[in-house]
Amino acid sequence: MNTEPVKEQVAKVARKMGELGLVSGTSGNVSARLPDGLMAITPMGKSYEAMSVEDIVVVDGDLDPMEGELMPSSESLMHVAIYAAREDVGGVVHTHAVYSSAAAAAGMAIPPIVDEMVVTLGGEVRVSEYAPPASEEVAERVCAALGNRDAALIRNHGAVAVGADPETALAASVLTERAAQIFVLSSVIGRPATLPDEVVASEAAIFEMRRAARREKMR
């Protein structure tokens, strides 16, 4: 199996995360699903702006190394858990962006305050219960917060977003941070108004149709 194209996509998204300010230093991680239960993921301790295809690690479901010389991300358990829970997911992006992290630290879910949140992310961005980083508990709790949606906040930590591949997961991460920024700033000047229930229901139905199509395509 030629894993180079997927590893290149992971490295490209990692560099973009650094350029966009979604991560700082070596924080955060990005992965892509591979056939046969494998996963390509960013390594520990590598600057995102300098990430190359040679840095990307391929591991199996038990995190045993298959390709690469570096150690896989310390949050690899979370990525494995998400792929196991969501067959419609082909890419996972974990960020430490400022506004998403602020909402996560406050334990505040981001309500559906802009239309694209529901259509693209599935609705409210929920917050996981706290668990230590890199633990099985945080993996379980992030999966619970994510549910069938495409983004969640990680309590006192950051955010995670998913998609058909790393690039679409990155787009979901960018939207999550934008929604968090709008939520935080609008909370300062007033009380954010959520979308009407009927609009949320209608747009959530569109999201579910897209997610079902994505799931079928990935089978």
N, C-alpha and C. Protein backbone atom coordinates (compact mmCIF):
# COMPACT_ATOMS: atom_id res chain seq x y z
N MET A 1 0.84 -1.20 0.00
CA MET A 1 0.00 0.00 0.00
C MET A 1 0.88 1.25 0.00
N ASN A 2 0.58 2.16 -0.91
CA ASN A 2 1.33 3.42 -0.98
C ASN A 2 0.67 4.45 -0.07
N THR A 3 1.31 4.74 1.04
CA THR A 3 0.75 5.68 2.01
C THR A 3 1.22 7.12 1.79
N GLU A 4 2.12 7.32 0.83
CA GLU A 4 2.72 8.65 0.65
C GLU A 4 1.70 9.75 0.38
N PRO A 5 0.72 9.56 -0.51
CA PRO A 5 -0.24 10.66 -0.74
C PRO A 5 -1.01 11.07 0.51
N VAL A 6 -1.40 10.09 1.31
CA VAL A 6 -2.13 10.41 2.54
C VAL A 6 -1.21 11.09 3.54
N LYS A 7 0.01 10.62 3.68
CA LYS A 7 0.96 11.25 4.60
C LYS A 7 1.26 12.69 4.17
N GLU A 8 1.33 12.91 2.87
CA GLU A 8 1.56 14.27 2.38
C GLU A 8 0.39 15.18 2.72
N GLN A 9 -0.84 14.65 2.62
CA GLN A 9 -2.00 15.45 2.98
C GLN A 9 -1.98 15.79 4.47
N VAL A 10 -1.62 14.83 5.31
CA VAL A 10 -1.53 15.08 6.75
C VAL A 10 -0.49 16.15 7.04
N ALA A 11 0.68 16.05 6.40
CA ALA A 11 1.73 17.05 6.61
C ALA A 11 1.30 18.43 6.13
N LYS A 12 0.62 18.47 4.99
CA LYS A 12 0.14 19.75 4.43
C LYS A 12 -0.85 20.41 5.37
N VAL A 13 -1.79 19.62 5.90
CA VAL A 13 -2.78 20.17 6.83
C VAL A 13 -2.11 20.62 8.12
N ALA A 14 -1.12 19.88 8.58
CA ALA A 14 -0.39 20.28 9.79
C ALA A 14 0.28 21.64 9.59
N ARG A 15 0.92 21.83 8.44
CA ARG A 15 1.55 23.13 8.17
C ARG A 15 0.52 24.24 8.12
N LYS A 16 -0.63 23.95 7.51
CA LYS A 16 -1.69 24.95 7.41
C LYS A 16 -2.23 25.31 8.79
N MET A 17 -2.32 24.33 9.69
CA MET A 17 -2.77 24.60 11.05
C MET A 17 -1.85 25.61 11.72
N GLY A 18 -0.55 25.45 11.51
CA GLY A 18 0.40 26.40 12.07
C GLY A 18 0.25 27.78 11.46
N GLU A 19 0.08 27.84 10.14
CA GLU A 19 -0.07 29.12 9.45
C GLU A 19 -1.31 29.87 9.92
N LEU A 20 -2.38 29.13 10.19
CA LEU A 20 -3.65 29.74 10.60
C LEU A 20 -3.71 30.08 12.08
N GLY A 21 -2.69 29.69 12.83
CA GLY A 21 -2.69 29.97 14.27
C GLY A 21 -3.60 29.07 15.08
N LEU A 22 -3.94 27.91 14.53
CA LEU A 22 -4.79 26.98 15.26
C LEU A 22 -4.02 26.16 16.29
N VAL A 23 -2.71 26.15 16.14
CA VAL A 23 -1.83 25.47 17.09
C VAL A 23 -0.65 26.37 17.40
N SER A 24 0.07 26.03 18.44
CA SER A 24 1.26 26.79 18.82
C SER A 24 2.38 25.82 19.13
N GLY A 25 3.52 26.01 18.49
CA GLY A 25 4.65 25.11 18.74
C GLY A 25 4.35 23.70 18.26
N THR A 26 4.39 22.75 19.19
CA THR A 26 4.15 21.34 18.83
C THR A 26 2.80 20.84 19.34
N SER A 27 1.94 21.74 19.77
CA SER A 27 0.63 21.33 20.30
C SER A 27 -0.30 20.93 19.17
N GLY A 28 -1.35 20.16 19.51
CA GLY A 28 -2.32 19.74 18.51
C GLY A 28 -1.83 18.54 17.71
N ASN A 29 -2.70 18.01 16.86
CA ASN A 29 -2.35 16.87 16.03
C ASN A 29 -3.38 16.69 14.92
N VAL A 30 -2.98 15.97 13.88
CA VAL A 30 -3.87 15.69 12.75
C VAL A 30 -3.58 14.28 12.26
N SER A 31 -4.64 13.60 11.82
CA SER A 31 -4.47 12.23 11.34
C SER A 31 -5.39 11.97 10.17
N ALA A 32 -5.13 10.84 9.49
CA ALA A 32 -5.97 10.37 8.40
C ALA A 32 -6.16 8.86 8.53
N ARG A 33 -7.35 8.41 8.24
CA ARG A 33 -7.63 6.97 8.23
C ARG A 33 -6.98 6.33 7.01
N LEU A 34 -6.41 5.15 7.20
CA LEU A 34 -5.86 4.35 6.12
C LEU A 34 -6.58 3.00 6.10
N PRO A 35 -6.50 2.27 5.00
CA PRO A 35 -7.12 0.94 4.96
C PRO A 35 -6.51 -0.01 5.99
N ASP A 36 -7.22 -1.09 6.24
CA ASP A 36 -6.74 -2.17 7.10
C ASP A 36 -6.51 -1.73 8.54
N GLY A 37 -7.30 -0.75 9.00
CA GLY A 37 -7.20 -0.33 10.39
C GLY A 37 -5.98 0.50 10.73
N LEU A 38 -5.30 1.02 9.73
CA LEU A 38 -4.11 1.85 9.96
C LEU A 38 -4.48 3.32 10.00
N MET A 39 -3.54 4.12 10.49
CA MET A 39 -3.76 5.56 10.64
C MET A 39 -2.44 6.28 10.42
N ALA A 40 -2.47 7.38 9.67
CA ALA A 40 -1.31 8.25 9.51
C ALA A 40 -1.51 9.45 10.42
N ILE A 41 -0.52 9.76 11.26
CA ILE A 41 -0.70 10.81 12.26
C ILE A 41 0.59 11.60 12.46
N THR A 42 0.44 12.84 12.87
CA THR A 42 1.60 13.68 13.16
C THR A 42 2.34 13.15 14.39
N PRO A 43 3.64 13.44 14.48
CA PRO A 43 4.45 12.92 15.58
C PRO A 43 4.48 13.85 16.78
N MET A 44 5.03 13.36 17.85
CA MET A 44 5.27 14.18 19.04
C MET A 44 6.47 15.09 18.79
N GLY A 45 6.41 16.29 19.38
CA GLY A 45 7.58 17.15 19.46
C GLY A 45 8.09 17.74 18.17
N LYS A 46 7.23 17.90 17.17
CA LYS A 46 7.65 18.46 15.88
C LYS A 46 6.88 19.74 15.60
N SER A 47 7.60 20.80 15.25
CA SER A 47 6.97 22.07 14.92
C SER A 47 6.06 21.92 13.71
N TYR A 48 4.87 22.48 13.78
CA TYR A 48 3.91 22.30 12.70
C TYR A 48 4.31 23.03 11.43
N GLU A 49 4.91 24.18 11.57
CA GLU A 49 5.31 24.93 10.38
C GLU A 49 6.36 24.19 9.57
N ALA A 50 7.12 23.31 10.23
CA ALA A 50 8.21 22.58 9.56
C ALA A 50 7.85 21.13 9.26
N MET A 51 6.61 20.76 9.39
CA MET A 51 6.20 19.36 9.22
C MET A 51 6.40 18.90 7.78
N SER A 52 7.00 17.73 7.61
CA SER A 52 7.22 17.17 6.28
C SER A 52 6.62 15.77 6.21
N VAL A 53 6.49 15.25 5.01
CA VAL A 53 5.91 13.93 4.84
C VAL A 53 6.73 12.86 5.55
N GLU A 54 8.04 13.08 5.65
CA GLU A 54 8.91 12.11 6.32
C GLU A 54 8.65 12.05 7.82
N ASP A 55 8.03 13.08 8.38
CA ASP A 55 7.75 13.12 9.82
C ASP A 55 6.50 12.33 10.20
N ILE A 56 5.62 12.09 9.25
CA ILE A 56 4.33 11.47 9.55
C ILE A 56 4.51 9.98 9.87
N VAL A 57 3.82 9.55 10.90
CA VAL A 57 3.94 8.18 11.39
C VAL A 57 2.69 7.38 11.01
N VAL A 58 2.88 6.14 10.63
CA VAL A 58 1.75 5.24 10.38
C VAL A 58 1.73 4.20 11.50
N VAL A 59 0.56 4.06 12.13
CA VAL A 59 0.40 3.10 13.23
C VAL A 59 -0.84 2.25 12.98
N ASP A 60 -0.91 1.11 13.68
CA ASP A 60 -2.12 0.31 13.61
C ASP A 60 -3.05 0.67 14.76
N GLY A 61 -4.13 -0.07 14.91
CA GLY A 61 -5.12 0.25 15.94
C GLY A 61 -4.62 0.11 17.35
N ASP A 62 -3.52 -0.62 17.54
CA ASP A 62 -2.91 -0.75 18.86
C ASP A 62 -1.77 0.23 19.05
N LEU A 63 -1.61 1.14 18.08
CA LEU A 63 -0.56 2.17 18.07
C LEU A 63 0.83 1.57 17.88
N ASP A 64 0.90 0.36 17.34
CA ASP A 64 2.20 -0.20 16.99
C ASP A 64 2.68 0.47 15.70
N PRO A 65 3.96 0.90 15.65
CA PRO A 65 4.46 1.62 14.48
C PRO A 65 4.58 0.73 13.25
N MET A 66 4.15 1.25 12.12
CA MET A 66 4.26 0.55 10.85
C MET A 66 5.20 1.28 9.90
N GLU A 67 5.19 2.61 9.97
CA GLU A 67 6.08 3.44 9.16
C GLU A 67 6.48 4.66 9.97
N GLY A 68 7.70 5.15 9.73
CA GLY A 68 8.16 6.37 10.38
C GLY A 68 9.14 6.11 11.51
N GLU A 69 9.95 7.12 11.78
CA GLU A 69 10.99 7.00 12.80
C GLU A 69 10.62 7.71 14.10
N LEU A 70 9.63 8.60 14.06
CA LEU A 70 9.29 9.40 15.23
C LEU A 70 8.16 8.74 16.03
N MET A 71 7.97 9.23 17.25
CA MET A 71 6.88 8.74 18.09
C MET A 71 5.57 9.37 17.64
N PRO A 72 4.49 8.60 17.55
CA PRO A 72 3.21 9.20 17.18
C PRO A 72 2.70 10.15 18.25
N SER A 73 1.80 11.03 17.87
CA SER A 73 1.23 12.01 18.80
C SER A 73 0.76 11.36 20.09
N SER A 74 0.93 12.10 21.18
CA SER A 74 0.49 11.59 22.49
C SER A 74 -1.03 11.43 22.56
N GLU A 75 -1.76 12.09 21.65
CA GLU A 75 -3.21 11.98 21.64
C GLU A 75 -3.71 10.94 20.63
N SER A 76 -2.84 10.02 20.25
CA SER A 76 -3.22 9.01 19.25
C SER A 76 -4.42 8.18 19.68
N LEU A 77 -4.54 7.91 20.99
CA LEU A 77 -5.67 7.13 21.48
C LEU A 77 -7.00 7.78 21.11
N MET A 78 -7.05 9.11 21.20
CA MET A 78 -8.27 9.83 20.87
C MET A 78 -8.62 9.65 19.39
N HIS A 79 -7.63 9.72 18.53
CA HIS A 79 -7.87 9.56 17.10
C HIS A 79 -8.37 8.15 16.80
N VAL A 80 -7.73 7.14 17.39
CA VAL A 80 -8.16 5.75 17.19
C VAL A 80 -9.60 5.56 17.64
N ALA A 81 -9.94 6.14 18.79
CA ALA A 81 -11.29 6.01 19.33
C ALA A 81 -12.32 6.65 18.41
N ILE A 82 -11.99 7.81 17.85
CA ILE A 82 -12.93 8.49 16.95
C ILE A 82 -13.16 7.66 15.68
N TYR A 83 -12.08 7.13 15.10
CA TYR A 83 -12.25 6.30 13.90
C TYR A 83 -13.08 5.05 14.20
N ALA A 84 -12.90 4.49 15.38
CA ALA A 84 -13.66 3.30 15.75
C ALA A 84 -15.15 3.61 15.92
N ALA A 85 -15.43 4.81 16.44
CA ALA A 85 -16.82 5.19 16.71
C ALA A 85 -17.53 5.75 15.49
N ARG A 86 -16.77 6.30 14.53
CA ARG A 86 -17.37 7.02 13.41
C ARG A 86 -16.84 6.50 12.08
N GLU A 87 -17.59 5.62 11.45
CA GLU A 87 -17.13 5.08 10.18
C GLU A 87 -17.20 6.10 9.05
N ASP A 88 -17.88 7.23 9.29
CA ASP A 88 -17.96 8.28 8.28
C ASP A 88 -16.78 9.24 8.34
N VAL A 89 -15.85 9.03 9.26
CA VAL A 89 -14.73 9.96 9.46
C VAL A 89 -13.45 9.40 8.84
N GLY A 90 -12.79 10.24 8.04
CA GLY A 90 -11.52 9.86 7.44
C GLY A 90 -10.38 10.76 7.84
N GLY A 91 -10.68 11.84 8.57
CA GLY A 91 -9.64 12.75 9.04
C GLY A 91 -10.03 13.38 10.36
N VAL A 92 -9.05 13.57 11.24
CA VAL A 92 -9.28 14.18 12.55
C VAL A 92 -8.25 15.28 12.77
N VAL A 93 -8.71 16.44 13.22
CA VAL A 93 -7.83 17.57 13.52
C VAL A 93 -8.09 18.03 14.95
N HIS A 94 -7.04 18.08 15.74
CA HIS A 94 -7.13 18.55 17.13
C HIS A 94 -6.33 19.84 17.25
N THR A 95 -7.00 20.92 17.69
CA THR A 95 -6.37 22.24 17.75
C THR A 95 -6.36 22.79 19.17
N HIS A 96 -5.51 23.81 19.35
CA HIS A 96 -5.46 24.55 20.61
C HIS A 96 -5.73 26.03 20.32
N ALA A 97 -6.64 26.31 19.40
CA ALA A 97 -6.95 27.68 19.02
C ALA A 97 -7.52 28.46 20.21
N VAL A 98 -7.27 29.76 20.23
CA VAL A 98 -7.51 30.58 21.42
C VAL A 98 -8.98 30.61 21.85
N TYR A 99 -9.88 30.95 20.94
CA TYR A 99 -11.28 31.12 21.35
C TYR A 99 -11.95 29.78 21.65
N SER A 100 -11.63 28.76 20.88
CA SER A 100 -12.15 27.43 21.19
C SER A 100 -11.65 26.97 22.55
N SER A 101 -10.37 27.22 22.82
CA SER A 101 -9.79 26.82 24.11
C SER A 101 -10.40 27.62 25.25
N ALA A 102 -10.71 28.89 25.00
CA ALA A 102 -11.34 29.72 26.04
C ALA A 102 -12.71 29.17 26.40
N ALA A 103 -13.51 28.83 25.40
CA ALA A 103 -14.83 28.26 25.66
C ALA A 103 -14.70 26.92 26.37
N ALA A 104 -13.71 26.12 25.97
CA ALA A 104 -13.49 24.82 26.60
C ALA A 104 -13.08 24.99 28.06
N ALA A 105 -12.24 25.99 28.34
CA ALA A 105 -11.81 26.24 29.71
C ALA A 105 -12.97 26.69 30.59
N ALA A 106 -13.90 27.43 29.99
CA ALA A 106 -15.08 27.90 30.73
C ALA A 106 -16.16 26.83 30.81
N GLY A 107 -15.97 25.72 30.10
CA GLY A 107 -16.99 24.67 30.09
C GLY A 107 -18.25 25.09 29.38
N MET A 108 -18.12 25.97 28.38
CA MET A 108 -19.28 26.51 27.68
C MET A 108 -19.37 25.94 26.27
N ALA A 109 -20.45 25.22 25.99
CA ALA A 109 -20.71 24.76 24.63
C ALA A 109 -20.98 25.96 23.74
N ILE A 110 -20.68 25.82 22.46
CA ILE A 110 -20.96 26.90 21.50
C ILE A 110 -22.33 26.63 20.89
N PRO A 111 -23.32 27.45 21.20
CA PRO A 111 -24.67 27.20 20.69
C PRO A 111 -24.74 27.50 19.19
N PRO A 112 -25.78 27.04 18.52
CA PRO A 112 -25.93 27.30 17.09
C PRO A 112 -26.32 28.76 16.84
N ILE A 113 -25.33 29.60 16.67
CA ILE A 113 -25.57 31.04 16.52
C ILE A 113 -25.32 31.53 15.10
N VAL A 114 -24.70 30.70 14.26
CA VAL A 114 -24.52 31.04 12.84
C VAL A 114 -24.95 29.82 12.03
N ASP A 115 -25.57 30.07 10.88
CA ASP A 115 -26.17 28.99 10.09
C ASP A 115 -25.19 27.89 9.72
N GLU A 116 -23.98 28.28 9.30
CA GLU A 116 -23.05 27.26 8.82
C GLU A 116 -22.63 26.27 9.90
N MET A 117 -22.80 26.64 11.17
CA MET A 117 -22.48 25.71 12.25
C MET A 117 -23.32 24.44 12.16
N VAL A 118 -24.60 24.60 11.90
CA VAL A 118 -25.50 23.45 11.89
C VAL A 118 -25.31 22.61 10.63
N VAL A 119 -25.26 23.27 9.49
CA VAL A 119 -25.12 22.56 8.22
C VAL A 119 -23.78 21.84 8.13
N THR A 120 -22.73 22.46 8.66
CA THR A 120 -21.38 21.91 8.51
C THR A 120 -20.93 21.07 9.69
N LEU A 121 -21.28 21.49 10.91
CA LEU A 121 -20.80 20.81 12.12
C LEU A 121 -21.86 19.94 12.77
N GLY A 122 -23.12 20.16 12.45
CA GLY A 122 -24.19 19.35 13.01
C GLY A 122 -24.99 20.03 14.10
N GLY A 123 -24.58 21.22 14.52
CA GLY A 123 -25.32 21.93 15.57
C GLY A 123 -24.40 22.45 16.65
N GLU A 124 -24.92 22.52 17.86
CA GLU A 124 -24.14 22.99 19.01
C GLU A 124 -22.83 22.21 19.13
N VAL A 125 -21.75 22.93 19.41
CA VAL A 125 -20.46 22.28 19.65
C VAL A 125 -20.36 22.03 21.15
N ARG A 126 -20.48 20.77 21.53
CA ARG A 126 -20.54 20.41 22.94
C ARG A 126 -19.15 20.31 23.56
N VAL A 127 -19.12 20.34 24.90
CA VAL A 127 -17.86 20.26 25.65
C VAL A 127 -17.78 18.90 26.33
N SER A 128 -16.64 18.25 26.19
CA SER A 128 -16.46 16.97 26.88
C SER A 128 -16.24 17.19 28.37
N GLU A 129 -16.50 16.16 29.15
CA GLU A 129 -16.13 16.20 30.56
C GLU A 129 -14.61 16.13 30.65
N TYR A 130 -14.06 16.71 31.71
CA TYR A 130 -12.60 16.75 31.83
C TYR A 130 -12.02 15.36 32.06
N ALA A 131 -10.87 15.13 31.45
CA ALA A 131 -10.06 13.94 31.70
C ALA A 131 -8.62 14.31 31.37
N PRO A 132 -7.64 13.65 31.97
CA PRO A 132 -6.24 13.98 31.71
C PRO A 132 -5.89 13.79 30.23
N PRO A 133 -5.05 14.66 29.68
CA PRO A 133 -4.63 14.53 28.29
C PRO A 133 -4.00 13.17 28.01
N ALA A 134 -4.18 12.69 26.80
CA ALA A 134 -3.56 11.46 26.31
C ALA A 134 -4.05 10.20 27.03
N SER A 135 -5.15 10.30 27.76
CA SER A 135 -5.67 9.15 28.50
C SER A 135 -6.80 8.47 27.74
N GLU A 136 -7.11 7.23 28.13
CA GLU A 136 -8.26 6.54 27.56
C GLU A 136 -9.55 7.28 27.91
N GLU A 137 -9.56 7.88 29.11
CA GLU A 137 -10.75 8.60 29.56
C GLU A 137 -11.05 9.79 28.66
N VAL A 138 -10.01 10.55 28.30
CA VAL A 138 -10.27 11.71 27.44
C VAL A 138 -10.74 11.25 26.07
N ALA A 139 -10.21 10.14 25.57
CA ALA A 139 -10.66 9.61 24.28
C ALA A 139 -12.14 9.26 24.33
N GLU A 140 -12.55 8.58 25.40
CA GLU A 140 -13.96 8.19 25.56
C GLU A 140 -14.86 9.41 25.68
N ARG A 141 -14.42 10.39 26.46
CA ARG A 141 -15.27 11.55 26.72
C ARG A 141 -15.36 12.47 25.51
N VAL A 142 -14.30 12.56 24.74
CA VAL A 142 -14.36 13.34 23.51
C VAL A 142 -15.31 12.68 22.52
N CYS A 143 -15.24 11.37 22.40
CA CYS A 143 -16.17 10.66 21.51
C CYS A 143 -17.62 10.88 21.93
N ALA A 144 -17.86 10.89 23.24
CA ALA A 144 -19.22 11.12 23.75
C ALA A 144 -19.70 12.52 23.41
N ALA A 145 -18.82 13.52 23.57
CA ALA A 145 -19.19 14.90 23.25
C ALA A 145 -19.39 15.08 21.75
N LEU A 146 -18.57 14.42 20.97
CA LEU A 146 -18.66 14.53 19.52
C LEU A 146 -19.97 13.90 19.01
N GLY A 147 -20.29 12.73 19.52
CA GLY A 147 -21.50 12.06 19.07
C GLY A 147 -21.49 11.90 17.56
N ASN A 148 -22.57 12.35 16.91
CA ASN A 148 -22.64 12.26 15.45
C ASN A 148 -22.31 13.59 14.78
N ARG A 149 -21.76 14.52 15.54
CA ARG A 149 -21.42 15.84 14.98
C ARG A 149 -19.96 15.88 14.55
N ASP A 150 -19.58 16.99 13.94
CA ASP A 150 -18.24 17.07 13.36
C ASP A 150 -17.28 17.95 14.15
N ALA A 151 -17.66 18.39 15.34
CA ALA A 151 -16.74 19.16 16.18
C ALA A 151 -17.16 19.06 17.63
N ALA A 152 -16.18 19.15 18.51
CA ALA A 152 -16.43 19.18 19.96
C ALA A 152 -15.30 19.94 20.63
N LEU A 153 -15.60 20.48 21.80
CA LEU A 153 -14.58 21.11 22.62
C LEU A 153 -14.09 20.11 23.65
N ILE A 154 -12.80 20.18 23.96
CA ILE A 154 -12.18 19.29 24.94
C ILE A 154 -11.94 20.10 26.20
N ARG A 155 -12.62 19.76 27.28
CA ARG A 155 -12.62 20.58 28.49
C ARG A 155 -11.20 20.91 28.95
N ASN A 156 -10.96 22.21 29.17
CA ASN A 156 -9.67 22.72 29.64
C ASN A 156 -8.51 22.35 28.73
N HIS A 157 -8.80 22.20 27.45
CA HIS A 157 -7.74 21.70 26.56
C HIS A 157 -7.76 22.34 25.18
N GLY A 158 -8.83 22.15 24.42
CA GLY A 158 -8.86 22.66 23.05
C GLY A 158 -10.09 22.19 22.32
N ALA A 159 -9.92 21.81 21.06
CA ALA A 159 -11.06 21.39 20.24
C ALA A 159 -10.64 20.26 19.31
N VAL A 160 -11.64 19.52 18.83
CA VAL A 160 -11.39 18.49 17.83
C VAL A 160 -12.47 18.61 16.76
N ALA A 161 -12.07 18.38 15.51
CA ALA A 161 -13.02 18.40 14.40
C ALA A 161 -12.71 17.24 13.48
N VAL A 162 -13.73 16.76 12.79
CA VAL A 162 -13.56 15.58 11.93
C VAL A 162 -14.16 15.86 10.56
N GLY A 163 -13.81 14.99 9.61
CA GLY A 163 -14.35 15.13 8.27
C GLY A 163 -14.01 13.92 7.44
N ALA A 164 -14.32 13.99 6.16
CA ALA A 164 -14.04 12.88 5.25
C ALA A 164 -12.55 12.65 5.09
N ASP A 165 -11.76 13.69 5.27
CA ASP A 165 -10.31 13.62 5.16
C ASP A 165 -9.72 14.76 5.99
N PRO A 166 -8.39 14.82 6.12
CA PRO A 166 -7.81 15.89 6.95
C PRO A 166 -8.16 17.30 6.49
N GLU A 167 -8.29 17.52 5.18
CA GLU A 167 -8.59 18.87 4.70
C GLU A 167 -9.99 19.32 5.10
N THR A 168 -10.97 18.43 5.01
CA THR A 168 -12.32 18.82 5.42
C THR A 168 -12.41 18.93 6.94
N ALA A 169 -11.63 18.13 7.65
CA ALA A 169 -11.57 18.27 9.11
C ALA A 169 -10.94 19.61 9.49
N LEU A 170 -9.95 20.05 8.72
CA LEU A 170 -9.35 21.37 8.96
C LEU A 170 -10.38 22.47 8.74
N ALA A 171 -11.16 22.36 7.67
CA ALA A 171 -12.20 23.36 7.41
C ALA A 171 -13.20 23.41 8.56
N ALA A 172 -13.54 22.26 9.12
CA ALA A 172 -14.44 22.22 10.27
C ALA A 172 -13.79 22.85 11.50
N SER A 173 -12.48 22.69 11.63
CA SER A 173 -11.75 23.31 12.74
C SER A 173 -11.76 24.83 12.62
N VAL A 174 -11.55 25.32 11.41
CA VAL A 174 -11.57 26.77 11.17
C VAL A 174 -12.95 27.33 11.51
N LEU A 175 -14.00 26.65 11.09
CA LEU A 175 -15.36 27.11 11.39
C LEU A 175 -15.63 27.06 12.89
N THR A 176 -15.16 26.02 13.56
CA THR A 176 -15.34 25.92 15.01
C THR A 176 -14.70 27.10 15.72
N GLU A 177 -13.48 27.45 15.32
CA GLU A 177 -12.80 28.58 15.95
C GLU A 177 -13.52 29.89 15.64
N ARG A 178 -14.02 30.05 14.41
CA ARG A 178 -14.76 31.26 14.06
C ARG A 178 -16.04 31.36 14.89
N ALA A 179 -16.75 30.25 15.03
CA ALA A 179 -17.98 30.24 15.83
C ALA A 179 -17.67 30.55 17.29
N ALA A 180 -16.56 30.01 17.80
CA ALA A 180 -16.17 30.28 19.19
C ALA A 180 -15.85 31.76 19.37
N GLN A 181 -15.17 32.35 18.40
CA GLN A 181 -14.83 33.77 18.48
C GLN A 181 -16.10 34.62 18.47
N ILE A 182 -17.02 34.32 17.57
CA ILE A 182 -18.29 35.06 17.52
C ILE A 182 -19.04 34.91 18.84
N PHE A 183 -19.06 33.70 19.38
CA PHE A 183 -19.77 33.44 20.64
C PHE A 183 -19.15 34.22 21.79
N VAL A 184 -17.84 34.17 21.91
CA VAL A 184 -17.16 34.86 23.02
C VAL A 184 -17.35 36.37 22.90
N LEU A 185 -17.14 36.92 21.71
CA LEU A 185 -17.24 38.37 21.53
C LEU A 185 -18.69 38.86 21.68
N SER A 186 -19.64 38.12 21.15
CA SER A 186 -21.03 38.55 21.28
C SER A 186 -21.51 38.43 22.72
N SER A 187 -20.91 37.53 23.49
CA SER A 187 -21.25 37.41 24.91
C SER A 187 -20.77 38.61 25.70
N VAL A 188 -19.73 39.27 25.20
CA VAL A 188 -19.20 40.47 25.87
C VAL A 188 -20.13 41.66 25.66
N ILE A 189 -20.65 41.80 24.45
CA ILE A 189 -21.45 42.99 24.13
C ILE A 189 -22.95 42.77 24.32
N GLY A 190 -23.36 41.54 24.56
CA GLY A 190 -24.78 41.27 24.73
C GLY A 190 -25.02 39.80 24.99
N ARG A 191 -26.18 39.32 24.59
CA ARG A 191 -26.53 37.92 24.76
C ARG A 191 -26.70 37.29 23.39
N PRO A 192 -25.83 36.34 23.03
CA PRO A 192 -25.93 35.73 21.70
C PRO A 192 -27.29 35.08 21.49
N ALA A 193 -27.88 35.33 20.33
CA ALA A 193 -29.17 34.73 19.99
C ALA A 193 -28.94 33.47 19.17
N THR A 194 -29.52 32.37 19.62
CA THR A 194 -29.41 31.13 18.86
C THR A 194 -30.38 31.13 17.70
N LEU A 195 -30.11 30.31 16.72
CA LEU A 195 -31.01 30.18 15.58
C LEU A 195 -32.35 29.62 16.03
N PRO A 196 -33.44 29.96 15.34
CA PRO A 196 -34.75 29.39 15.69
C PRO A 196 -34.73 27.86 15.61
N ASP A 197 -35.51 27.22 16.46
CA ASP A 197 -35.53 25.76 16.53
C ASP A 197 -35.83 25.12 15.19
N GLU A 198 -36.78 25.71 14.46
CA GLU A 198 -37.16 25.11 13.19
C GLU A 198 -36.03 25.20 12.15
N VAL A 199 -35.25 26.26 12.24
CA VAL A 199 -34.10 26.41 11.35
C VAL A 199 -33.03 25.39 11.71
N VAL A 200 -32.77 25.24 13.00
CA VAL A 200 -31.79 24.25 13.46
C VAL A 200 -32.19 22.85 12.99
N ALA A 201 -33.46 22.51 13.14
CA ALA A 201 -33.94 21.19 12.74
C ALA A 201 -33.78 20.97 11.24
N SER A 202 -34.12 21.99 10.45
CA SER A 202 -34.01 21.88 9.00
C SER A 202 -32.56 21.74 8.56
N GLU A 203 -31.69 22.55 9.14
CA GLU A 203 -30.28 22.51 8.76
C GLU A 203 -29.60 21.25 9.28
N ALA A 204 -30.03 20.76 10.44
CA ALA A 204 -29.47 19.51 10.98
C ALA A 204 -29.82 18.34 10.07
N ALA A 205 -31.00 18.38 9.46
CA ALA A 205 -31.39 17.33 8.52
C ALA A 205 -30.48 17.32 7.30
N ILE A 206 -30.10 18.52 6.84
CA ILE A 206 -29.17 18.62 5.71
C ILE A 206 -27.82 18.03 6.11
N PHE A 207 -27.36 18.36 7.31
CA PHE A 207 -26.09 17.82 7.80
C PHE A 207 -26.13 16.30 7.83
N GLU A 208 -27.22 15.73 8.32
CA GLU A 208 -27.32 14.27 8.42
C GLU A 208 -27.34 13.62 7.04
N MET A 209 -27.97 14.26 6.07
CA MET A 209 -27.97 13.74 4.70
C MET A 209 -26.55 13.71 4.15
N ARG A 210 -25.80 14.77 4.40
CA ARG A 210 -24.42 14.84 3.92
C ARG A 210 -23.55 13.80 4.63
N ARG A 211 -23.80 13.63 5.92
CA ARG A 211 -23.00 12.67 6.69
C ARG A 211 -23.29 11.24 6.23
N ALA A 212 -24.55 10.95 5.93
CA ALA A 212 -24.90 9.62 5.44
C ALA A 212 -24.24 9.35 4.09
N ALA A 213 -24.21 10.36 3.22
CA ALA A 213 -23.56 10.21 1.92
C ALA A 213 -22.07 9.99 2.09
N ARG A 214 -21.48 10.70 3.04
CA ARG A 214 -20.05 10.54 3.32
C ARG A 214 -19.75 9.13 3.82
N ARG A 215 -20.61 8.64 4.69
CA ARG A 215 -20.43 7.30 5.24
C ARG A 215 -20.49 6.25 4.13
N GLU A 216 -21.47 6.39 3.23
CA GLU A 216 -21.60 5.43 2.14
C GLU A 216 -20.39 5.47 1.22
N LYS A 217 -19.87 6.66 0.98
CA LYS A 217 -18.72 6.82 0.09
C LYS A 217 -17.48 6.17 0.67
N MET A 218 -17.36 6.15 1.99
CA MET A 218 -16.16 5.63 2.63
C MET A 218 -16.21 4.12 2.83
N ARG A 219 -17.34 3.50 2.61
CA ARG A 219 -17.44 2.05 2.79
C ARG A 219 -16.73 1.30 1.68
